[in-house]
Amino acid sequence: MGDQRLLTIFAAGEIPSAMVTFVSLLMFVQLGVSGEWAVFMSSMLFVPWVLKSFLFGRVRAMGHYGRWLHVSESLLCVSLFGLSASFRLGVHCVFAMLMAVGLLCSWHELLARMYYESVFHPTQRRYYDYPRMVSSQLVVAFTYGALILVVGGMEVFFRQIPRAWAMGCYLMAGVFLVTTLYHIASFRRVAVHRVSDCSCAVAGNAVSGAASLLCRPYQLLAVLTLFALLLPQGLMFHTRVLFLLDGRDAGGLGCTIQEIGFAQGTVGVLAFCIGIAFGYWLVSSVGIRRVFWHLVVALGFSPVVYLLMSYFPPQSLAWLCVCTCAAQLTFGLGLSACGVLVDNLSGGRSLSTVNLLHVPAIALCMLPAMAVSGALAYGLGYGTYFLVAALMAPLSWVVAFLAKDRILS
């Protein structure tokens, strides 16, 4: 069997990835950025993962994946410490450093997957796929929850929000530095096997495939269906955090940053990961045709939860955790239906992706709705906005119904 220490490269990469994907919105809001612009800036941080497919051929051609992994992790360490220092220079510097971290994260994720597939034979990977996925998602939950809790405590201690975020990011940078030094010291030279699956060949043509997408009606139909299914979640992805953070006079719940870190970060992320794992188990054991509609309906349930929360606010942290758990669990469960469409577009390449949100097709389809969601939420008010987002779900069901026979064939 291969070296089990290789599994830690995926978990380590989720530390900076979680900061860019989940925590950045709270950073911007607490640094004084308006909710609309905070949502837009956080959405733009998904662009590096949208562009990831276009880097695949170039990264694969470099070879020496282990050596380049050490380079990428070293650059990530520098970027994370740079992010920590950028809080003194203003929000624009913070955004620039987060974008640099996101670009390096997408590069690191590609290198990690290529190294993993080079070292392990396809028959060996099945023993490691679930452990690496579980360890990676536990790191996401830990980073999201722990970082926000630490920053909340430091805000009370220092009485300075930028300094509290800087200290929290220094802590995460230190943790990542330790993992980087561990990888450099412990990774032995291993016999690299030629990647035998066809996913690399398919993904190597990402640029030409994207350029000819409009000439392929089947793939265009899959993209449109994927966009429709993800529209409710794209509208909810950032606005749910704003809803928890804003005060009661603005229509929100007025939660503290520590409450958001625990309910949305730790509990919510774990529920999301459980939902993804359970959804893929259903697809593999029962078959996508038998569970497709169950997953599609589950994908549109999250806006309904927040709609109810806007009219019947939770009166305790326990009830808040129950609500966020239900919303995130169904989100992860329904995302498995989108995974089938991504498989059709990428030739199975997405099966080796640790975090489904970082699949380029998923990120691209969610990006437009995420970018405008903040302005829409403040313009309509949270109650009306969540109602509109919930009504998008039946629209996605109609699109999925019309395209089902083609996309599941």
Protein backbone atom coordinates (compact mmCIF):
# COMPACT_ATOMS: atom_id res chain seq x y z
CA MET A 1 0.00 0.00 0.00
CA GLY A 2 1.04 3.62 -0.47
CA ASP A 3 2.31 6.04 2.14
CA GLN A 4 -0.60 6.98 4.40
CA ARG A 5 1.07 10.28 5.25
CA LEU A 6 0.09 11.48 1.79
CA LEU A 7 -3.45 11.87 3.11
CA THR A 8 -2.41 14.89 5.18
CA ILE A 9 -1.71 17.00 2.10
CA PHE A 10 -5.46 17.21 1.40
CA ALA A 11 -6.33 18.05 5.00
CA ALA A 12 -3.61 20.73 5.16
CA GLY A 13 -4.88 22.37 1.99
CA GLU A 14 -8.32 22.86 3.54
CA ILE A 15 -6.95 25.25 6.21
CA PRO A 16 -6.37 28.19 3.82
CA SER A 17 -9.21 27.01 1.57
CA ALA A 18 -11.76 27.31 4.37
CA MET A 19 -10.52 30.80 5.19
CA VAL A 20 -11.09 31.93 1.59
CA THR A 21 -14.36 30.08 0.97
CA PHE A 22 -16.24 30.46 4.25
CA VAL A 23 -14.57 32.94 6.60
CA SER A 24 -13.79 35.80 4.19
CA LEU A 25 -17.33 37.23 4.30
CA LEU A 26 -17.18 37.79 8.06
CA MET A 27 -13.72 39.33 7.65
CA PHE A 28 -14.98 41.93 5.19
CA VAL A 29 -18.13 42.76 7.17
CA GLN A 30 -16.21 43.23 10.40
CA LEU A 31 -13.64 45.39 8.63
CA GLY A 32 -16.40 47.86 7.76
CA VAL A 33 -17.35 46.78 4.23
CA SER A 34 -21.05 47.06 3.43
CA GLY A 35 -22.98 43.81 3.17
CA GLU A 36 -23.50 44.13 -0.60
CA TRP A 37 -19.81 44.64 -1.33
CA ALA A 38 -18.71 42.05 1.22
CA VAL A 39 -20.84 39.43 -0.55
CA PHE A 40 -19.53 40.49 -3.97
CA MET A 41 -15.89 40.40 -2.86
CA SER A 42 -16.32 37.01 -1.17
CA SER A 43 -17.96 35.64 -4.32
CA MET A 44 -15.03 36.81 -6.48
CA LEU A 45 -12.75 34.66 -4.33
CA PHE A 46 -14.33 31.62 -6.02
CA VAL A 47 -12.78 32.65 -9.36
CA PRO A 48 -9.50 30.73 -8.76
CA TRP A 49 -11.47 27.48 -8.53
CA VAL A 50 -13.43 28.34 -11.67
CA LEU A 51 -10.12 28.70 -13.50
CA LYS A 52 -8.65 25.53 -12.02
CA SER A 53 -9.46 23.35 -15.04
CA PHE A 54 -7.50 25.65 -17.30
CA LEU A 55 -4.42 25.10 -15.13
CA PHE A 56 -4.68 21.32 -15.21
CA GLY A 57 -2.69 20.65 -18.37
CA ARG A 58 0.10 23.06 -17.41
CA VAL A 59 0.39 21.72 -13.85
CA ARG A 60 0.38 18.13 -15.08
CA ALA A 61 3.13 18.90 -17.59
CA MET A 62 5.44 20.14 -14.83
CA GLY A 63 5.77 16.68 -13.24
CA HIS A 64 7.69 16.24 -9.96
CA TYR A 65 4.44 16.71 -8.07
CA GLY A 66 5.96 16.11 -4.64
CA ARG A 67 8.58 18.81 -5.15
CA TRP A 68 6.01 21.29 -6.47
CA LEU A 69 3.73 20.46 -3.54
CA HIS A 70 6.44 21.65 -1.17
CA VAL A 71 6.84 24.80 -3.26
CA SER A 72 3.09 25.51 -3.24
CA GLU A 73 2.82 24.91 0.51
CA SER A 74 5.80 27.19 1.16
CA LEU A 75 4.20 29.93 -0.94
CA LEU A 76 0.92 29.40 0.92
CA CYS A 77 2.75 29.90 4.22
CA VAL A 78 4.19 33.17 2.95
CA SER A 79 0.76 34.27 1.68
CA LEU A 80 -0.97 33.41 4.95
CA PHE A 81 1.55 35.41 6.96
CA GLY A 82 1.15 38.18 4.38
CA LEU A 83 -2.61 38.03 4.88
CA SER A 84 -2.13 38.39 8.62
CA ALA A 85 0.03 41.48 8.13
CA SER A 86 -2.32 43.01 5.53
CA PHE A 87 -5.00 43.87 8.10
CA ARG A 88 -2.92 46.94 8.98
CA LEU A 89 -3.07 48.16 5.38
CA GLY A 90 -6.79 48.08 4.74
CA VAL A 91 -9.51 45.88 3.29
CA HIS A 92 -8.23 46.09 -0.30
CA CYS A 93 -4.92 44.57 0.73
CA VAL A 94 -6.79 41.86 2.63
CA PHE A 95 -8.82 41.07 -0.50
CA ALA A 96 -5.69 40.92 -2.65
CA MET A 97 -3.97 38.53 -0.24
CA LEU A 98 -7.08 36.33 -0.01
CA MET A 99 -7.14 36.14 -3.81
CA ALA A 100 -3.48 35.11 -3.81
CA VAL A 101 -4.21 32.46 -1.17
CA GLY A 102 -7.14 31.20 -3.28
CA LEU A 103 -4.98 30.89 -6.40
CA LEU A 104 -2.35 28.96 -4.48
CA CYS A 105 -5.04 26.74 -2.90
CA SER A 106 -6.38 25.76 -6.33
CA TRP A 107 -2.83 25.00 -7.50
CA HIS A 108 -2.14 22.99 -4.33
CA GLU A 109 -5.36 21.01 -4.77
CA LEU A 110 -4.39 20.04 -8.33
CA LEU A 111 -0.89 19.02 -7.28
CA ALA A 112 -2.18 17.04 -4.31
CA ARG A 113 -4.62 15.09 -6.47
CA MET A 114 -2.01 14.38 -9.15
CA TYR A 115 0.52 13.24 -6.55
CA TYR A 116 -2.11 11.07 -4.89
CA GLU A 117 -3.11 9.43 -8.18
CA SER A 118 0.53 8.93 -9.15
CA VAL A 119 1.51 7.20 -5.91
CA PHE A 120 -1.57 5.01 -5.40
CA HIS A 121 -2.80 2.44 -7.88
CA PRO A 122 -6.52 2.80 -8.74
CA THR A 123 -7.25 -0.38 -6.76
CA GLN A 124 -5.53 1.11 -3.70
CA ARG A 125 -7.30 4.46 -3.78
CA ARG A 126 -10.61 3.03 -2.62
CA TYR A 127 -9.03 2.39 0.81
CA TYR A 128 -7.98 6.02 1.08
CA ASP A 129 -10.71 8.03 -0.68
CA TYR A 130 -13.11 8.15 2.27
CA PRO A 131 -10.43 8.67 4.97
CA ARG A 132 -8.95 11.61 3.08
CA MET A 133 -12.41 13.08 2.49
CA VAL A 134 -13.36 12.74 6.16
CA SER A 135 -10.08 14.20 7.41
CA SER A 136 -10.31 17.10 4.97
CA GLN A 137 -13.85 18.05 5.92
CA LEU A 138 -13.06 17.80 9.63
CA VAL A 139 -10.28 20.32 9.03
CA VAL A 140 -12.77 22.61 7.24
CA ALA A 141 -15.14 22.47 10.21
CA PHE A 142 -12.28 23.02 12.66
CA THR A 143 -10.81 25.95 10.72
CA TYR A 144 -14.16 27.69 10.23
CA GLY A 145 -15.37 27.19 13.78
CA ALA A 146 -12.08 27.60 15.64
CA LEU A 147 -10.89 30.65 13.73
CA ILE A 148 -14.14 32.57 14.31
CA LEU A 149 -14.26 31.58 17.98
CA VAL A 150 -10.64 32.66 18.47
CA VAL A 151 -11.20 35.94 16.65
CA GLY A 152 -14.32 36.62 18.73
CA GLY A 153 -12.37 36.10 21.94
CA MET A 154 -9.52 38.31 20.75
CA GLU A 155 -11.95 41.07 19.83
CA VAL A 156 -13.01 41.18 23.45
CA PHE A 157 -9.38 41.10 24.64
CA PHE A 158 -7.78 43.58 22.20
CA ARG A 159 -10.84 45.79 21.55
CA GLN A 160 -9.54 46.11 17.97
CA ILE A 161 -11.23 44.11 15.21
CA PRO A 162 -8.38 44.25 12.62
CA ARG A 163 -5.84 43.17 15.24
CA ALA A 164 -8.07 40.31 16.36
CA TRP A 165 -8.40 39.02 12.78
CA ALA A 166 -4.67 39.44 12.24
CA MET A 167 -3.88 37.37 15.34
CA GLY A 168 -6.39 34.69 14.31
CA CYS A 169 -4.84 34.45 10.84
CA TYR A 170 -1.35 34.32 12.35
CA LEU A 171 -2.53 31.33 14.38
CA MET A 172 -3.86 29.53 11.28
CA ALA A 173 -0.67 30.40 9.38
CA GLY A 174 1.35 28.87 12.19
CA VAL A 175 -0.68 25.67 12.08
CA PHE A 176 -0.20 25.46 8.32
CA LEU A 177 3.53 26.10 8.71
CA VAL A 178 3.79 23.12 11.06
CA THR A 179 2.06 20.86 8.52
CA THR A 180 4.32 22.16 5.76
CA LEU A 181 7.46 21.40 7.78
CA TYR A 182 6.05 17.95 8.58
CA HIS A 183 5.52 17.23 4.88
CA ILE A 184 9.02 18.38 3.96
CA ALA A 185 10.59 16.30 6.72
CA SER A 186 8.52 13.13 6.47
CA PHE A 187 7.69 12.59 2.81
CA ARG A 188 10.00 9.92 1.59
CA ARG A 189 10.72 9.32 -2.06
CA VAL A 190 8.12 6.94 -3.41
CA ALA A 191 7.83 5.00 -6.61
CA VAL A 192 5.58 7.06 -8.86
CA HIS A 193 3.18 5.07 -11.01
CA ARG A 194 1.75 6.32 -14.27
CA VAL A 195 -1.82 7.50 -13.82
CA SER A 196 -3.90 4.83 -15.47
CA ASP A 197 -7.41 6.27 -15.36
CA CYS A 198 -8.84 8.31 -18.18
CA SER A 199 -9.73 11.33 -16.10
CA CYS A 200 -6.41 13.05 -16.77
CA ALA A 201 -6.80 12.66 -20.50
CA VAL A 202 -10.28 14.11 -20.36
CA ALA A 203 -9.34 16.96 -18.05
CA GLY A 204 -6.25 17.74 -20.10
CA ASN A 205 -8.55 19.04 -22.80
CA ALA A 206 -10.32 21.46 -20.46
CA VAL A 207 -9.53 24.57 -22.52
CA SER A 208 -10.61 23.10 -25.84
CA GLY A 209 -13.66 21.51 -24.18
CA ALA A 210 -14.76 24.82 -22.71
CA ALA A 211 -14.27 26.61 -26.01
CA SER A 212 -16.47 24.12 -27.87
CA LEU A 213 -19.13 23.84 -25.15
CA LEU A 214 -21.73 25.82 -27.09
CA CYS A 215 -21.30 23.42 -30.00
CA ARG A 216 -22.34 20.46 -27.85
CA PRO A 217 -26.07 20.64 -27.07
CA TYR A 218 -25.89 17.82 -24.52
CA GLN A 219 -23.18 19.52 -22.43
CA LEU A 220 -24.90 22.88 -22.74
CA LEU A 221 -28.11 21.27 -21.43
CA ALA A 222 -26.18 19.81 -18.48
CA VAL A 223 -24.68 23.22 -17.65
CA LEU A 224 -28.09 24.95 -17.80
CA THR A 225 -29.63 22.26 -15.59
CA LEU A 226 -26.75 22.54 -13.14
CA PHE A 227 -27.18 26.32 -13.00
CA ALA A 228 -30.92 25.97 -12.33
CA LEU A 229 -30.42 23.40 -9.56
CA LEU A 230 -27.76 25.52 -7.85
CA LEU A 231 -29.58 28.84 -8.19
CA PRO A 232 -31.35 28.64 -4.77
CA GLN A 233 -28.09 27.70 -3.04
CA GLY A 234 -26.14 30.37 -4.88
CA LEU A 235 -28.62 32.93 -3.58
CA MET A 236 -28.29 31.55 -0.04
CA PHE A 237 -24.55 30.83 0.21
CA HIS A 238 -23.45 34.21 1.62
CA THR A 239 -26.73 35.85 2.59
CA ARG A 240 -27.45 33.25 5.27
CA VAL A 241 -24.36 34.48 7.15
CA LEU A 242 -25.44 38.11 6.76
CA PHE A 243 -28.87 37.15 8.09
CA LEU A 244 -27.33 35.62 11.20
CA LEU A 245 -25.00 38.58 11.73
CA ASP A 246 -27.31 41.56 11.11
CA GLY A 247 -29.28 42.96 14.03
CA ARG A 248 -33.00 42.54 14.63
CA ASP A 249 -33.66 46.09 13.40
CA ALA A 250 -32.21 45.10 10.00
CA GLY A 251 -34.27 41.91 9.84
CA GLY A 252 -31.48 39.58 10.95
CA LEU A 253 -31.01 37.47 14.04
CA GLY A 254 -28.27 39.53 15.69
CA CYS A 255 -26.03 36.57 16.49
CA THR A 256 -22.57 37.09 17.91
CA ILE A 257 -19.57 36.03 15.88
CA GLN A 258 -18.98 33.15 18.33
CA GLU A 259 -22.53 31.86 17.81
CA ILE A 260 -22.08 32.02 14.03
CA GLY A 261 -18.76 30.20 14.33
CA PHE A 262 -20.32 27.34 16.25
CA ALA A 263 -23.74 27.07 14.56
CA GLN A 264 -22.81 27.89 10.96
CA GLY A 265 -19.14 26.91 11.11
CA THR A 266 -18.74 23.77 13.18
CA VAL A 267 -22.27 22.31 13.23
CA GLY A 268 -23.23 23.53 9.76
CA VAL A 269 -20.07 22.38 8.00
CA LEU A 270 -20.18 18.96 9.65
CA ALA A 271 -23.83 18.58 8.62
CA PHE A 272 -22.92 19.61 5.08
CA CYS A 273 -20.15 16.97 4.93
CA ILE A 274 -22.48 14.28 6.30
CA GLY A 275 -25.06 15.24 3.69
CA ILE A 276 -22.54 14.90 0.84
CA ALA A 277 -21.30 11.53 2.12
CA PHE A 278 -24.83 10.17 2.61
CA GLY A 279 -25.92 11.44 -0.79
CA TYR A 280 -23.05 9.72 -2.59
CA TRP A 281 -23.75 6.54 -0.65
CA LEU A 282 -27.35 6.64 -1.86
CA VAL A 283 -26.27 7.22 -5.45
CA SER A 284 -23.73 4.38 -5.38
CA SER A 285 -25.91 1.86 -3.53
CA VAL A 286 -29.42 2.61 -4.80
CA GLY A 287 -28.77 4.26 -8.16
CA ILE A 288 -29.17 7.83 -9.32
CA ARG A 289 -32.45 7.21 -11.18
CA ARG A 290 -34.19 6.03 -8.01
CA VAL A 291 -33.00 8.86 -5.77
CA PHE A 292 -32.58 11.72 -8.25
CA TRP A 293 -35.83 13.50 -7.37
CA HIS A 294 -35.28 13.05 -3.64
CA LEU A 295 -31.89 14.75 -3.95
CA VAL A 296 -33.21 17.52 -6.19
CA VAL A 297 -36.02 18.34 -3.74
CA ALA A 298 -33.56 18.34 -0.83
CA LEU A 299 -31.36 20.85 -2.66
CA GLY A 300 -34.14 23.46 -2.53
CA PHE A 301 -34.96 22.99 1.16
CA SER A 302 -32.35 25.37 2.62
CA PRO A 303 -34.15 28.65 1.66
CA VAL A 304 -37.32 27.33 3.31
CA VAL A 305 -35.46 26.87 6.61
CA TYR A 306 -34.18 30.44 6.57
CA LEU A 307 -37.58 31.74 5.50
CA LEU A 308 -39.08 30.14 8.60
CA MET A 309 -36.25 31.50 10.73
CA SER A 310 -36.98 35.04 9.48
CA TYR A 311 -40.57 34.79 10.72
CA PHE A 312 -39.94 32.58 13.77
CA PRO A 313 -36.44 33.46 15.06
CA PRO A 314 -34.74 30.72 17.12
CA GLN A 315 -34.78 31.60 20.80
CA SER A 316 -31.64 29.69 21.78
CA LEU A 317 -28.31 28.58 20.37
CA ALA A 318 -29.52 24.97 20.39
CA TRP A 319 -32.45 25.76 18.10
CA LEU A 320 -30.18 27.85 15.88
CA CYS A 321 -27.88 24.84 15.52
CA VAL A 322 -30.84 22.60 14.68
CA CYS A 323 -31.95 24.97 11.92
CA THR A 324 -28.51 25.45 10.39
CA CYS A 325 -27.90 21.70 10.63
CA ALA A 326 -31.11 20.96 8.70
CA ALA A 327 -30.31 23.56 6.03
CA GLN A 328 -26.71 22.41 5.51
CA LEU A 329 -27.53 18.70 5.69
CA THR A 330 -30.06 18.99 2.87
CA PHE A 331 -27.67 21.22 0.90
CA GLY A 332 -24.96 18.57 1.02
CA LEU A 333 -27.44 15.81 0.30
CA GLY A 334 -28.85 17.58 -2.75
CA LEU A 335 -25.41 18.47 -4.05
CA SER A 336 -24.92 14.79 -4.84
CA ALA A 337 -27.46 15.17 -7.67
CA CYS A 338 -25.30 17.94 -9.11
CA GLY A 339 -22.31 15.63 -8.88
CA VAL A 340 -23.88 13.40 -11.53
CA LEU A 341 -24.04 16.33 -13.95
CA VAL A 342 -20.45 17.29 -13.18
CA ASP A 343 -19.35 13.71 -13.84
CA ASN A 344 -20.96 13.87 -17.27
CA LEU A 345 -19.17 17.12 -18.03
CA SER A 346 -15.75 16.13 -16.71
CA GLY A 347 -15.55 12.43 -17.49
CA GLY A 348 -15.48 11.38 -13.84
CA ARG A 349 -12.74 13.80 -12.86
CA SER A 350 -14.83 15.27 -10.04
CA LEU A 351 -14.81 11.95 -8.21
CA SER A 352 -11.32 12.72 -6.94
CA THR A 353 -12.22 16.20 -5.71
CA VAL A 354 -12.23 16.52 -1.93
CA ASN A 355 -14.54 19.53 -1.63
CA LEU A 356 -17.39 19.51 -4.13
CA LEU A 357 -17.74 23.30 -3.88
CA HIS A 358 -14.30 23.60 -5.46
CA VAL A 359 -15.30 21.74 -8.64
CA PRO A 360 -14.98 24.42 -11.36
CA ALA A 361 -18.44 23.73 -12.82
CA ILE A 362 -20.11 24.01 -9.40
CA ALA A 363 -18.27 27.22 -8.56
CA LEU A 364 -19.02 28.74 -11.97
CA CYS A 365 -22.76 28.01 -11.76
CA MET A 366 -23.05 29.45 -8.25
CA LEU A 367 -20.89 32.51 -8.84
CA PRO A 368 -23.42 34.82 -10.62
CA ALA A 369 -26.14 34.29 -8.01
CA MET A 370 -23.67 34.69 -5.14
CA ALA A 371 -22.29 37.94 -6.55
CA VAL A 372 -25.68 39.71 -6.65
CA SER A 373 -27.26 38.04 -3.63
CA GLY A 374 -26.15 40.68 -1.13
CA ALA A 375 -27.68 43.58 -3.06
CA LEU A 376 -30.91 41.62 -3.60
CA ALA A 377 -31.19 40.65 0.07
CA TYR A 378 -30.82 44.24 1.28
CA GLY A 379 -33.10 45.54 -1.46
CA LEU A 380 -35.94 43.09 -0.80
CA GLY A 381 -35.52 42.45 2.92
CA TYR A 382 -34.60 39.05 4.29
CA GLY A 383 -38.13 37.65 4.52
CA THR A 384 -39.04 38.50 0.92
CA TYR A 385 -35.61 37.50 -0.32
CA PHE A 386 -35.75 34.05 1.26
CA LEU A 387 -39.25 33.62 -0.22
CA VAL A 388 -37.90 34.43 -3.69
CA ALA A 389 -34.99 32.02 -3.18
CA ALA A 390 -37.40 29.31 -2.05
CA LEU A 391 -39.57 29.87 -5.14
CA MET A 392 -36.51 29.28 -7.34
CA ALA A 393 -36.53 25.64 -6.24
CA PRO A 394 -39.76 24.68 -8.11
CA LEU A 395 -38.31 26.38 -11.19
CA SER A 396 -35.23 24.19 -10.94
CA TRP A 397 -37.44 21.13 -10.57
CA VAL A 398 -39.19 21.96 -13.84
CA VAL A 399 -35.86 22.33 -15.63
CA ALA A 400 -34.61 19.05 -14.15
CA PHE A 401 -37.84 17.30 -15.16
CA LEU A 402 -37.52 18.46 -18.76
CA ALA A 403 -33.85 17.49 -18.96
CA LYS A 404 -33.92 14.33 -16.83
CA ASP A 405 -34.00 11.78 -19.65
CA ARG A 406 -31.05 13.41 -21.40
CA ILE A 407 -28.83 14.10 -18.40
CA LEU A 408 -29.33 10.67 -16.79
CA SER A 409 -28.95 8.65 -19.98
